[in-house]
Amino acid sequence: MFSHRRRKAAALTALALSAVAVTTGPAGAATPGTTAPQAAAPQAAAAPALDWHDCTHKGALPGQQCATLPVPLDYGDPTGRQLRVAVTRLRSDRPQARRGTLLVIPGGPGGSGVQKLTSTGPALAREMAGAYDLVSLDPRGVGGSSTASCGLAEEDRHLVTLRSWPGADGDIAQNVARSRRIAEACAEHGGPELRSFTTANEVRDIDRLRQALGERKLSVWGTSYGTYVGAVYAQRYPQHTDRVVLDSSGDPDPTRVARGWLANMAAGADDRFPDFAAWAADPARDAEGLRLAAHPEDVRPLFLEAAAKLDREPRQSDVPGVPLTGNRLRQALQTTLYGNDFAPLARLLLAAQDPAAEPVLPPDVSGPLPDTGAAAVLGAICNDVSWPADVAAYERAVAADRTAHPLTAGMPANITPCSFWKDRPEQQPTRITPDGPSNVLMVQNLRDPATPYAGALKMREAFGSRARLVSVDAGGHGSYLGNGNACGDRTVTRFLTTGQRPRQDTYCGS
């Protein structure tokens, strides 16, 4: 776990990565001495023109347009069966200032690009000042795109069961049984659609969208899992990337991919929790009735004790048939740490301690995901790379992780349905390398609970001289236009609109 002082030191030490970087010109200029890019997959026939129309989804923005992009189910058979990918755009309102298209890549896996552009479009459009048409897509399996179903029982589709939280004593027998059951159901019901939900296919779909838009290059803003998708796109199609922003990156180790991201969440929760503790012990909470402790250092043991008591004695919640358990409290913590609204978690903790109160569950722990949503997440994380299946090894890993990181109680190290997945990966994950144009800007919060800073340093190291890193002294998941850090926002906006990028890695204070 990084302390605040050590994280700041690490951010400053990371500047040394730039000492070996070549000096580059404008973003997109080739880096001397790079090798040829990886060969792209066989391409389908030229993408058809998109039939744009006004979006009709809830909350659609004025001027937001939607269309459907046909993509091959299997790029090895590009003229065979086609799937649909929902795409959306906000056109530049200053044609004279327009310089290209900026693709917004959602996170997840399972995030909707249509919804992402709907929520961030107004702020992003203001920052870009007409420099781009803003475009996004729903990846396969998500939203308006072609979906698949695993036919999972409702109890297997709660976030707190899809994520393998161990039993109260660390036992994983139920996790093993559920993981086998889910994997078998997905193999039986998912079909070729589910098998096609991979990062490699999302990247191919993005390049097909580029062709349909008539663009020679795309600029990119990817967030969370979207940073991995953006990095793979930049590696496989370097000639088609303009300016690439990767916001909240994970370790791109091709031998682990999502398994590594999950494991890193244990340290991420430790990095972020002190922000919640400081908020919860602030005297300002007295007026709100939400102060949990007199001192920040008292909040962590309070939380751990409350979770342990709920392990032994679950409480009936405001949702019939869905009790507040220790693991639901832990999952609520993990989700809360993504943002800065700590009040609902404080209320939940206070209610858990009050025998007369009825705890109100946050939406993320109160009900099941749709079956198609669960399938989209599972397909993306299980199809990319093989996961180990040694149950005894998971038992040992969970026991060690529970001791080292009690806030997450061993979940990040636990077994998942991917360990019993029936289909082997069709290809090896892409390795991110320094070979390619030096046109990548990474922006990263120091206290990110989902993609912790230590993992982002691995992405920075993989890109070498192709990238610069902006380390932001902030907590939460998602940096650009997400945490109010003017320095970080200004650096990203300047890069996207002018091509000016820091000559070396840089640090943005709070």
Protein backbone atom coordinates (compact mmCIF):
# COMPACT_ATOMS: atom_id res chain seq x y z
CA MET A 1 0.00 0.00 0.00
CA PHE A 2 1.26 3.46 -0.94
CA SER A 3 1.12 6.14 1.76
CA HIS A 4 0.29 9.64 0.53
CA ARG A 5 3.94 10.69 0.81
CA ARG A 6 5.19 7.57 -0.94
CA ARG A 7 2.63 7.92 -3.75
CA LYS A 8 3.73 11.51 -4.37
CA ALA A 9 7.36 10.39 -4.36
CA ALA A 10 6.49 7.61 -6.81
CA ALA A 11 4.78 10.12 -9.08
CA LEU A 12 7.86 12.31 -9.07
CA THR A 13 10.18 9.32 -9.48
CA ALA A 14 8.15 8.25 -12.49
CA LEU A 15 9.45 11.35 -14.25
CA ALA A 16 12.70 9.45 -14.64
CA LEU A 17 11.01 7.33 -17.30
CA SER A 18 11.22 10.36 -19.56
CA ALA A 19 14.98 10.54 -19.19
CA VAL A 20 15.33 7.73 -21.70
CA ALA A 21 12.62 9.05 -24.01
CA VAL A 22 13.56 10.65 -27.28
CA THR A 23 12.51 14.24 -27.83
CA THR A 24 9.49 14.27 -30.07
CA GLY A 25 7.83 16.81 -32.25
CA PRO A 26 4.07 17.25 -32.56
CA ALA A 27 1.86 14.42 -31.34
CA GLY A 28 1.69 11.70 -33.96
CA ALA A 29 5.26 12.14 -35.17
CA ALA A 30 7.10 8.84 -35.54
CA THR A 31 9.56 7.86 -32.86
CA PRO A 32 13.03 7.16 -34.29
CA GLY A 33 14.15 3.57 -34.11
CA THR A 34 10.70 2.00 -33.76
CA THR A 35 9.91 -1.29 -35.39
CA ALA A 36 7.09 -2.11 -37.74
CA PRO A 37 3.60 -2.24 -36.19
CA GLN A 38 1.89 -5.52 -35.52
CA ALA A 39 -0.12 -6.82 -38.43
CA ALA A 40 -3.81 -6.10 -38.19
CA ALA A 41 -6.45 -8.78 -38.55
CA PRO A 42 -8.03 -9.42 -41.97
CA GLN A 43 -10.52 -6.70 -42.75
CA ALA A 44 -14.07 -6.97 -43.96
CA ALA A 45 -15.23 -5.23 -47.09
CA ALA A 46 -15.38 -1.47 -46.87
CA ALA A 47 -17.70 -0.37 -44.09
CA PRO A 48 -21.03 0.97 -45.34
CA ALA A 49 -22.02 4.58 -44.85
CA LEU A 50 -23.73 5.18 -41.52
CA ASP A 51 -27.40 6.15 -41.51
CA TRP A 52 -27.46 8.82 -38.81
CA HIS A 53 -30.65 9.85 -37.04
CA ASP A 54 -31.57 11.72 -33.87
CA CYS A 55 -30.99 9.57 -30.79
CA THR A 56 -34.12 8.54 -28.91
CA HIS A 57 -32.68 7.02 -25.71
CA LYS A 58 -33.51 8.57 -22.35
CA GLY A 59 -31.50 11.72 -21.73
CA ALA A 60 -30.29 12.03 -25.32
CA LEU A 61 -28.63 15.39 -25.91
CA PRO A 62 -29.83 17.97 -28.41
CA GLY A 63 -28.01 17.23 -31.64
CA GLN A 64 -26.86 13.78 -30.51
CA GLN A 65 -27.12 11.35 -33.41
CA CYS A 66 -27.19 7.57 -33.43
CA ALA A 67 -26.58 4.88 -36.04
CA THR A 68 -25.91 1.17 -36.36
CA LEU A 69 -22.62 -0.20 -37.67
CA PRO A 70 -22.63 -3.77 -39.05
CA VAL A 71 -19.54 -5.75 -38.02
CA PRO A 72 -18.51 -9.36 -38.75
CA LEU A 73 -19.32 -11.87 -36.06
CA ASP A 74 -15.97 -13.43 -36.98
CA TYR A 75 -13.31 -11.27 -38.64
CA GLY A 76 -11.80 -14.49 -39.99
CA ASP A 77 -14.97 -14.67 -42.13
CA PRO A 78 -15.47 -10.97 -42.86
CA THR A 79 -18.35 -11.42 -45.33
CA GLY A 80 -20.22 -13.89 -43.12
CA ARG A 81 -22.77 -13.24 -40.44
CA GLN A 82 -22.88 -9.66 -39.20
CA LEU A 83 -23.60 -8.24 -35.76
CA ARG A 84 -24.73 -4.69 -34.98
CA VAL A 85 -22.78 -2.11 -33.02
CA ALA A 86 -24.62 0.99 -31.80
CA VAL A 87 -22.68 4.20 -32.42
CA THR A 88 -23.33 7.84 -31.56
CA ARG A 89 -21.88 11.26 -32.30
CA LEU A 90 -22.01 14.94 -31.48
CA ARG A 91 -20.80 16.91 -34.45
CA SER A 92 -18.51 19.89 -34.09
CA ASP A 93 -20.48 23.13 -33.85
CA ARG A 94 -17.54 25.05 -35.33
CA PRO A 95 -16.72 23.45 -38.68
CA GLN A 96 -13.93 25.94 -39.30
CA ALA A 97 -12.17 24.74 -36.12
CA ARG A 98 -12.73 21.02 -36.71
CA ARG A 99 -9.55 18.95 -37.02
CA GLY A 100 -10.92 15.39 -36.82
CA THR A 101 -12.86 12.84 -34.79
CA LEU A 102 -12.37 12.06 -31.11
CA LEU A 103 -13.47 8.57 -30.08
CA VAL A 104 -14.68 8.18 -26.48
CA ILE A 105 -14.04 4.58 -25.35
CA PRO A 106 -16.14 3.48 -22.35
CA GLY A 107 -14.89 1.45 -19.41
CA GLY A 108 -16.21 -1.64 -17.78
CA PRO A 109 -16.05 -4.10 -19.42
CA GLY A 110 -19.74 -3.62 -20.01
CA GLY A 111 -19.85 0.17 -20.17
CA SER A 112 -22.00 1.91 -22.77
CA GLY A 113 -20.31 4.44 -25.03
CA VAL A 114 -23.68 5.87 -26.05
CA GLN A 115 -24.44 6.65 -22.40
CA LYS A 116 -20.87 7.82 -21.78
CA LEU A 117 -21.11 10.41 -24.55
CA THR A 118 -24.55 11.43 -23.30
CA SER A 119 -23.19 12.13 -19.81
CA THR A 120 -19.82 13.66 -20.71
CA GLY A 121 -20.65 15.20 -24.07
CA PRO A 122 -21.53 18.72 -22.93
CA ALA A 123 -18.37 19.15 -20.81
CA LEU A 124 -16.16 17.52 -23.43
CA ALA A 125 -17.62 19.66 -26.21
CA ARG A 126 -16.87 22.82 -24.22
CA GLU A 127 -13.27 21.74 -23.70
CA MET A 128 -12.74 20.80 -27.34
CA ALA A 129 -14.24 24.07 -28.64
CA GLY A 130 -15.26 22.52 -31.94
CA ALA A 131 -11.96 20.75 -32.64
CA TYR A 132 -13.63 17.36 -33.03
CA ASP A 133 -16.72 15.45 -33.87
CA LEU A 134 -17.25 13.42 -30.68
CA VAL A 135 -18.01 9.75 -31.34
CA SER A 136 -18.55 6.64 -29.23
CA LEU A 137 -19.97 3.12 -29.46
CA ASP A 138 -21.61 0.42 -27.40
CA PRO A 139 -19.20 -2.53 -27.51
CA ARG A 140 -20.56 -5.91 -28.53
CA GLY A 141 -22.89 -7.22 -25.84
CA VAL A 142 -23.77 -3.77 -24.47
CA GLY A 143 -26.74 -1.45 -24.83
CA GLY A 144 -27.98 -1.09 -28.38
CA SER A 145 -25.40 -3.49 -29.83
CA SER A 146 -25.90 -7.21 -30.40
CA THR A 147 -26.12 -9.02 -27.07
CA ALA A 148 -25.82 -12.54 -25.70
CA SER A 149 -27.34 -14.34 -22.74
CA CYS A 150 -25.93 -16.92 -20.34
CA GLY A 151 -29.32 -17.82 -18.84
CA LEU A 152 -28.07 -17.17 -15.31
CA ALA A 153 -30.26 -17.50 -12.24
CA GLU A 154 -31.08 -14.20 -10.55
CA GLU A 155 -28.99 -15.00 -7.47
CA ASP A 156 -25.92 -15.42 -9.69
CA ARG A 157 -26.35 -12.00 -11.31
CA HIS A 158 -25.92 -9.78 -8.25
CA LEU A 159 -22.68 -7.84 -8.32
CA VAL A 160 -21.84 -9.29 -4.93
CA THR A 161 -22.06 -12.82 -6.38
CA LEU A 162 -20.64 -12.17 -9.84
CA ARG A 163 -17.62 -10.89 -7.94
CA SER A 164 -16.38 -13.77 -5.84
CA TRP A 165 -16.56 -12.49 -2.27
CA PRO A 166 -15.40 -15.34 0.03
CA GLY A 167 -17.41 -16.66 2.94
CA ALA A 168 -17.16 -15.08 6.37
CA ASP A 169 -14.23 -17.32 7.34
CA GLY A 170 -12.52 -17.06 3.96
CA ASP A 171 -14.00 -20.27 2.61
CA ILE A 172 -14.35 -20.28 -1.21
CA ALA A 173 -16.38 -23.48 -1.71
CA GLN A 174 -19.51 -21.54 -2.70
CA ASN A 175 -17.44 -19.35 -5.04
CA VAL A 176 -16.05 -22.45 -6.75
CA ALA A 177 -19.49 -24.00 -7.19
CA ARG A 178 -21.00 -20.75 -8.49
CA SER A 179 -18.09 -20.16 -10.87
CA ARG A 180 -18.51 -23.65 -12.37
CA ARG A 181 -22.26 -23.15 -12.69
CA ILE A 182 -21.90 -19.78 -14.42
CA ALA A 183 -19.22 -21.01 -16.82
CA GLU A 184 -21.35 -24.00 -17.79
CA ALA A 185 -24.42 -21.82 -18.34
CA CYS A 186 -22.48 -19.40 -20.55
CA ALA A 187 -21.08 -22.30 -22.59
CA GLU A 188 -24.57 -23.72 -23.06
CA HIS A 189 -26.44 -20.51 -23.86
CA GLY A 190 -23.93 -17.87 -24.93
CA GLY A 191 -23.28 -19.09 -28.45
CA PRO A 192 -20.88 -17.55 -30.96
CA GLU A 193 -22.02 -14.05 -29.99
CA LEU A 194 -20.64 -14.43 -26.47
CA ARG A 195 -17.42 -15.95 -27.78
CA SER A 196 -16.95 -12.86 -29.96
CA PHE A 197 -16.91 -10.47 -26.96
CA THR A 198 -13.16 -9.80 -26.85
CA THR A 199 -10.87 -6.80 -26.67
CA ALA A 200 -9.43 -7.78 -30.04
CA ASN A 201 -12.86 -7.62 -31.66
CA GLU A 202 -13.72 -4.32 -30.00
CA VAL A 203 -10.51 -2.91 -31.44
CA ARG A 204 -11.38 -4.28 -34.89
CA ASP A 205 -14.88 -2.81 -34.58
CA ILE A 206 -13.34 0.57 -33.72
CA ASP A 207 -11.25 0.50 -36.86
CA ARG A 208 -14.30 -0.46 -38.89
CA LEU A 209 -16.06 2.57 -37.38
CA ARG A 210 -13.10 4.72 -38.43
CA GLN A 211 -13.54 3.50 -41.98
CA ALA A 212 -17.28 4.13 -41.92
CA LEU A 213 -16.63 7.68 -40.74
CA GLY A 214 -14.22 8.23 -43.61
CA GLU A 215 -11.38 9.17 -41.26
CA ARG A 216 -7.72 8.36 -41.88
CA LYS A 217 -6.97 8.68 -38.16
CA LEU A 218 -8.86 8.78 -34.88
CA SER A 219 -8.03 10.61 -31.69
CA VAL A 220 -8.98 8.69 -28.57
CA TRP A 221 -10.06 9.30 -24.97
CA GLY A 222 -10.32 5.95 -23.20
CA THR A 223 -11.23 5.52 -19.54
CA SER A 224 -10.65 2.50 -17.24
CA TYR A 225 -11.02 -0.69 -19.33
CA GLY A 226 -11.26 1.73 -22.25
CA THR A 227 -7.58 2.59 -21.69
CA TYR A 228 -6.64 -1.01 -22.40
CA VAL A 229 -8.83 -1.01 -25.52
CA GLY A 230 -7.24 2.29 -26.60
CA ALA A 231 -3.74 1.00 -25.92
CA VAL A 232 -4.37 -2.15 -27.97
CA TYR A 233 -5.81 -0.03 -30.79
CA ALA A 234 -2.72 2.20 -30.72
CA GLN A 235 -0.51 -0.90 -30.82
CA ARG A 236 -2.34 -2.72 -33.61
CA TYR A 237 -3.29 0.30 -35.75
CA PRO A 238 -0.63 2.91 -35.01
CA GLN A 239 -0.99 4.45 -38.45
CA HIS A 240 -4.61 5.27 -37.66
CA THR A 241 -4.08 7.01 -34.31
CA ASP A 242 -3.79 10.75 -33.96
CA ARG A 243 -3.81 11.88 -30.29
CA VAL A 244 -4.41 9.21 -27.65
CA VAL A 245 -5.47 9.94 -24.04
CA LEU A 246 -5.55 7.03 -21.60
CA ASP A 247 -7.38 7.96 -18.39
CA SER A 248 -7.07 5.57 -15.41
CA SER A 249 -4.95 2.73 -16.75
CA GLY A 250 -4.38 -0.80 -15.52
CA ASP A 251 -1.37 -3.05 -15.87
CA PRO A 252 -1.40 -4.34 -19.49
CA ASP A 253 0.54 -7.54 -18.66
CA PRO A 254 -0.64 -9.83 -21.51
CA THR A 255 -0.32 -12.97 -19.37
CA ARG A 256 -2.91 -11.73 -16.86
CA VAL A 257 -5.01 -8.88 -18.32
CA ALA A 258 -8.31 -8.75 -16.37
CA ARG A 259 -7.09 -11.19 -13.72
CA GLY A 260 -4.33 -8.71 -12.90
CA TRP A 261 -6.73 -5.77 -12.84
CA LEU A 262 -8.98 -7.59 -10.38
CA ALA A 263 -6.06 -8.51 -8.13
CA ASN A 264 -4.87 -4.90 -8.06
CA MET A 265 -8.18 -3.69 -6.63
CA ALA A 266 -7.07 -4.85 -3.17
CA ALA A 267 -4.26 -2.31 -3.07
CA GLY A 268 -6.52 0.23 -4.79
CA ALA A 269 -9.03 0.12 -1.93
CA ASP A 270 -6.19 0.62 0.56
CA ASP A 271 -4.91 3.60 -1.42
CA ARG A 272 -8.32 5.28 -1.53
CA PHE A 273 -9.82 4.49 1.89
CA PRO A 274 -7.93 7.25 3.76
CA ASP A 275 -9.87 9.85 1.73
CA PHE A 276 -13.14 8.38 3.00
CA ALA A 277 -11.77 8.14 6.54
CA ALA A 278 -10.72 11.79 6.55
CA TRP A 279 -14.16 12.83 5.29
CA ALA A 280 -15.99 10.62 7.80
CA ALA A 281 -14.01 11.99 10.77
CA ASP A 282 -14.24 15.64 9.73
CA PRO A 283 -16.11 17.74 12.35
CA ALA A 284 -18.12 19.17 9.44
CA ARG A 285 -19.98 15.84 9.38
CA ASP A 286 -21.48 16.59 12.80
CA ALA A 287 -23.99 19.01 11.31
CA GLU A 288 -24.99 16.36 8.79
CA GLY A 289 -25.27 13.60 11.35
CA LEU A 290 -22.74 11.54 9.39
CA ARG A 291 -19.58 11.72 11.45
CA LEU A 292 -18.36 8.18 12.08
CA ALA A 293 -15.36 8.72 14.34
CA ALA A 294 -13.35 11.37 16.15
CA HIS A 295 -10.17 10.61 14.20
CA PRO A 296 -9.53 9.30 10.66
CA GLU A 297 -7.51 6.35 11.96
CA ASP A 298 -10.59 5.12 13.83
CA VAL A 299 -12.74 4.73 10.70
CA ARG A 300 -11.00 1.67 9.25
CA PRO A 301 -11.43 -0.54 12.36
CA LEU A 302 -15.02 0.68 12.65
CA PHE A 303 -15.72 -0.44 9.07
CA LEU A 304 -13.99 -3.81 9.52
CA GLU A 305 -15.86 -4.50 12.74
CA ALA A 306 -19.21 -3.61 11.14
CA ALA A 307 -18.53 -5.91 8.17
CA ALA A 308 -17.49 -8.77 10.45
CA LYS A 309 -20.65 -8.38 12.56
CA LEU A 310 -22.79 -8.43 9.41
CA ASP A 311 -21.00 -11.61 8.35
CA ARG A 312 -22.33 -13.20 11.55
CA GLU A 313 -25.68 -11.41 11.71
CA PRO A 314 -27.02 -10.04 8.38
CA ARG A 315 -29.58 -7.25 8.65
CA GLN A 316 -32.84 -6.96 6.81
CA SER A 317 -32.57 -4.04 4.38
CA ASP A 318 -35.09 -1.84 2.60
CA VAL A 319 -35.09 -4.38 -0.28
CA PRO A 320 -37.24 -7.46 0.48
CA GLY A 321 -35.23 -10.65 0.31
CA VAL A 322 -31.89 -8.83 -0.02
CA PRO A 323 -30.23 -8.54 3.40
CA LEU A 324 -27.29 -6.31 4.23
CA THR A 325 -24.40 -8.75 4.66
CA GLY A 326 -20.74 -8.11 5.34
CA ASN A 327 -19.94 -8.66 1.69
CA ARG A 328 -22.66 -6.29 0.51
CA LEU A 329 -21.16 -3.66 2.80
CA ARG A 330 -17.69 -4.35 1.37
CA GLN A 331 -19.02 -4.12 -2.19
CA ALA A 332 -20.78 -0.85 -1.33
CA LEU A 333 -17.47 0.49 -0.05
CA GLN A 334 -15.62 -0.51 -3.20
CA THR A 335 -18.17 1.16 -5.46
CA THR A 336 -18.36 4.28 -3.28
CA LEU A 337 -14.60 4.79 -3.44
CA TYR A 338 -14.87 5.31 -7.21
CA GLY A 339 -16.41 8.74 -6.66
CA ASN A 340 -16.56 11.49 -4.06
CA ASP A 341 -20.10 11.12 -2.68
CA PHE A 342 -19.38 9.35 0.59
CA ALA A 343 -22.66 10.19 2.35
CA PRO A 344 -24.66 7.07 1.31
CA LEU A 345 -21.92 4.76 2.61
CA ALA A 346 -21.76 6.66 5.90
CA ARG A 347 -25.54 6.33 6.28
CA LEU A 348 -25.31 2.61 5.54
CA LEU A 349 -22.62 2.16 8.19
CA LEU A 350 -24.61 4.10 10.77
CA ALA A 351 -27.74 2.08 10.02
CA ALA A 352 -25.78 -1.14 10.31
CA GLN A 353 -24.81 -0.13 13.85
CA ASP A 354 -28.34 0.93 14.88
CA PRO A 355 -30.61 -2.04 15.74
CA ALA A 356 -33.68 0.15 15.18
CA ALA A 357 -32.68 1.32 11.68
CA GLU A 358 -33.48 -0.26 8.33
CA PRO A 359 -30.36 -0.06 6.13
CA VAL A 360 -30.96 1.45 2.67
CA LEU A 361 -28.96 -0.47 0.08
CA PRO A 362 -27.18 1.45 -2.70
CA PRO A 363 -28.34 0.48 -6.21
CA ASP A 364 -25.18 -1.48 -7.01
CA VAL A 365 -25.81 -4.00 -4.22
CA SER A 366 -29.61 -4.04 -4.14
CA GLY A 367 -30.52 -6.11 -7.19
CA PRO A 368 -29.32 -8.32 -10.03
CA LEU A 369 -27.73 -7.24 -13.29
CA PRO A 370 -29.66 -8.05 -16.48
CA ASP A 371 -28.59 -11.40 -17.90
CA THR A 372 -27.22 -9.72 -21.01
CA GLY A 373 -25.21 -7.31 -18.87
CA ALA A 374 -23.66 -10.15 -16.90
CA ALA A 375 -22.81 -11.95 -20.14
CA ALA A 376 -21.13 -8.85 -21.59
CA VAL A 377 -18.87 -8.52 -18.56
CA LEU A 378 -18.04 -12.22 -18.36
CA GLY A 379 -17.33 -12.56 -22.07
CA ALA A 380 -14.91 -9.65 -22.17
CA ILE A 381 -12.87 -10.76 -19.16
CA CYS A 382 -12.94 -14.53 -19.78
CA ASN A 383 -12.38 -14.65 -23.55
CA ASP A 384 -9.17 -12.61 -23.68
CA VAL A 385 -6.79 -14.88 -21.75
CA SER A 386 -6.82 -18.24 -19.95
CA TRP A 387 -7.25 -18.13 -16.16
CA PRO A 388 -5.70 -20.74 -13.83
CA ALA A 389 -8.09 -23.41 -12.52
CA ASP A 390 -6.16 -24.69 -9.47
CA VAL A 391 -8.67 -24.37 -6.62
CA ALA A 392 -6.05 -24.97 -3.92
CA ALA A 393 -3.93 -22.14 -5.31
CA TYR A 394 -6.91 -19.78 -5.10
CA GLU A 395 -7.53 -20.85 -1.50
CA ARG A 396 -3.98 -19.93 -0.61
CA ALA A 397 -4.15 -16.65 -2.52
CA VAL A 398 -7.41 -15.64 -0.84
CA ALA A 399 -6.04 -16.41 2.63
CA ALA A 400 -2.96 -14.27 1.99
CA ASP A 401 -4.95 -11.44 0.42
CA ARG A 402 -7.43 -11.31 3.30
CA THR A 403 -4.54 -10.78 5.69
CA ALA A 404 -2.77 -8.17 3.58
CA HIS A 405 -5.90 -6.28 2.47
CA PRO A 406 -8.81 -6.86 4.89
CA LEU A 407 -10.97 -4.15 3.30
CA THR A 408 -11.52 -6.39 0.27
CA ALA A 409 -11.48 -9.67 2.24
CA GLY A 410 -9.80 -11.78 -0.45
CA MET A 411 -12.26 -11.08 -3.29
CA PRO A 412 -9.66 -9.68 -5.74
CA ALA A 413 -7.57 -12.87 -5.47
CA ASN A 414 -10.48 -15.30 -5.65
CA ILE A 415 -11.62 -17.75 -8.29
CA THR A 416 -14.07 -16.60 -11.01
CA PRO A 417 -16.11 -18.25 -13.79
CA CYS A 418 -13.15 -17.55 -16.09
CA SER A 419 -11.27 -20.36 -14.31
CA PHE A 420 -13.76 -22.87 -15.75
CA TRP A 421 -14.44 -21.14 -19.08
CA LYS A 422 -15.08 -23.68 -21.83
CA ASP A 423 -13.63 -21.76 -24.77
CA ARG A 424 -9.92 -21.15 -25.07
CA PRO A 425 -8.78 -17.70 -26.24
CA GLU A 426 -8.62 -17.49 -30.01
CA GLN A 427 -5.40 -15.48 -29.89
CA GLN A 428 -2.86 -14.18 -27.43
CA PRO A 429 -3.48 -10.71 -25.96
CA THR A 430 -1.59 -7.85 -27.57
CA ARG A 431 1.64 -6.80 -25.86
CA ILE A 432 1.99 -3.04 -25.50
CA THR A 433 5.46 -1.91 -26.59
CA PRO A 434 7.46 1.28 -27.24
CA ASP A 435 7.18 0.62 -31.00
CA GLY A 436 4.99 3.20 -32.68
CA PRO A 437 4.30 6.92 -32.79
CA SER A 438 4.91 8.98 -29.65
CA ASN A 439 1.35 10.27 -29.32
CA VAL A 440 0.04 8.91 -26.01
CA LEU A 441 -0.82 10.98 -22.94
CA MET A 442 -1.73 9.10 -19.75
CA VAL A 443 -3.57 10.81 -16.89
CA GLN A 444 -3.87 9.02 -13.56
CA ASN A 445 -5.18 9.75 -10.07
CA LEU A 446 -2.73 8.77 -7.33
CA ARG A 447 -5.50 7.17 -5.24
CA ASP A 448 -7.59 5.21 -7.73
CA PRO A 449 -9.48 2.27 -6.16
CA ALA A 450 -10.07 0.39 -9.41
CA THR A 451 -6.94 0.97 -11.49
CA PRO A 452 -4.38 1.85 -8.82
CA TYR A 453 -1.37 4.02 -9.53
CA ALA A 454 1.10 1.13 -9.34
CA GLY A 455 -0.68 -0.61 -12.23
CA ALA A 456 -0.71 2.57 -14.30
CA LEU A 457 3.07 2.78 -13.93
CA LYS A 458 3.22 -0.62 -15.64
CA MET A 459 1.28 0.77 -18.61
CA ARG A 460 3.61 3.78 -18.68
CA GLU A 461 6.64 1.48 -18.65
CA ALA A 462 5.22 -0.65 -21.46
CA PHE A 463 4.75 2.37 -23.76
CA GLY A 464 8.21 3.76 -23.05
CA SER A 465 8.99 6.82 -25.15
CA ARG A 466 5.58 6.72 -26.83
CA ALA A 467 3.84 8.12 -23.74
CA ARG A 468 3.88 10.84 -21.11
CA LEU A 469 2.22 10.43 -17.70
CA VAL A 470 0.30 13.11 -15.82
CA SER A 471 0.05 12.02 -12.16
CA VAL A 472 -2.83 13.79 -10.40
CA ASP A 473 -2.97 14.16 -6.61
CA ALA A 474 -6.61 13.08 -6.34
CA GLY A 475 -8.72 10.10 -5.39
CA GLY A 476 -11.42 8.24 -7.28
CA HIS A 477 -11.71 6.44 -10.58
CA GLY A 478 -11.52 8.65 -13.67
CA SER A 479 -9.44 11.79 -13.84
CA TYR A 480 -10.14 13.98 -16.88
CA LEU A 481 -13.25 16.13 -16.31
CA GLY A 482 -13.97 13.92 -13.31
CA ASN A 483 -12.29 15.25 -10.18
CA GLY A 484 -12.00 19.00 -10.63
CA ASN A 485 -8.21 19.05 -10.88
CA ALA A 486 -7.59 22.08 -13.11
CA CYS A 487 -3.98 21.17 -13.82
CA GLY A 488 -4.81 17.67 -15.05
CA ASP A 489 -7.81 18.83 -17.09
CA ARG A 490 -5.84 21.68 -18.64
CA THR A 491 -2.99 19.37 -19.66
CA VAL A 492 -5.30 16.90 -21.39
CA THR A 493 -7.35 19.59 -23.13
CA ARG A 494 -4.20 21.31 -24.39
CA PHE A 495 -2.91 18.04 -25.84
CA LEU A 496 -6.14 17.15 -27.60
CA THR A 497 -6.75 20.62 -29.03
CA THR A 498 -3.22 21.77 -29.87
CA GLY A 499 -1.05 18.64 -29.84
CA GLN A 500 1.14 20.17 -27.13
CA ARG A 501 2.18 17.49 -24.67
CA PRO A 502 4.51 17.71 -21.65
CA ARG A 503 8.10 17.01 -22.67
CA GLN A 504 8.37 14.67 -19.71
CA ASP A 505 6.11 13.05 -17.15
CA THR A 506 4.53 15.63 -14.86
CA TYR A 507 2.76 15.96 -11.52
CA CYS A 508 -0.46 17.88 -10.80
CA GLY A 509 -1.00 18.73 -7.12
CA SER A 510 -4.36 18.93 -5.39
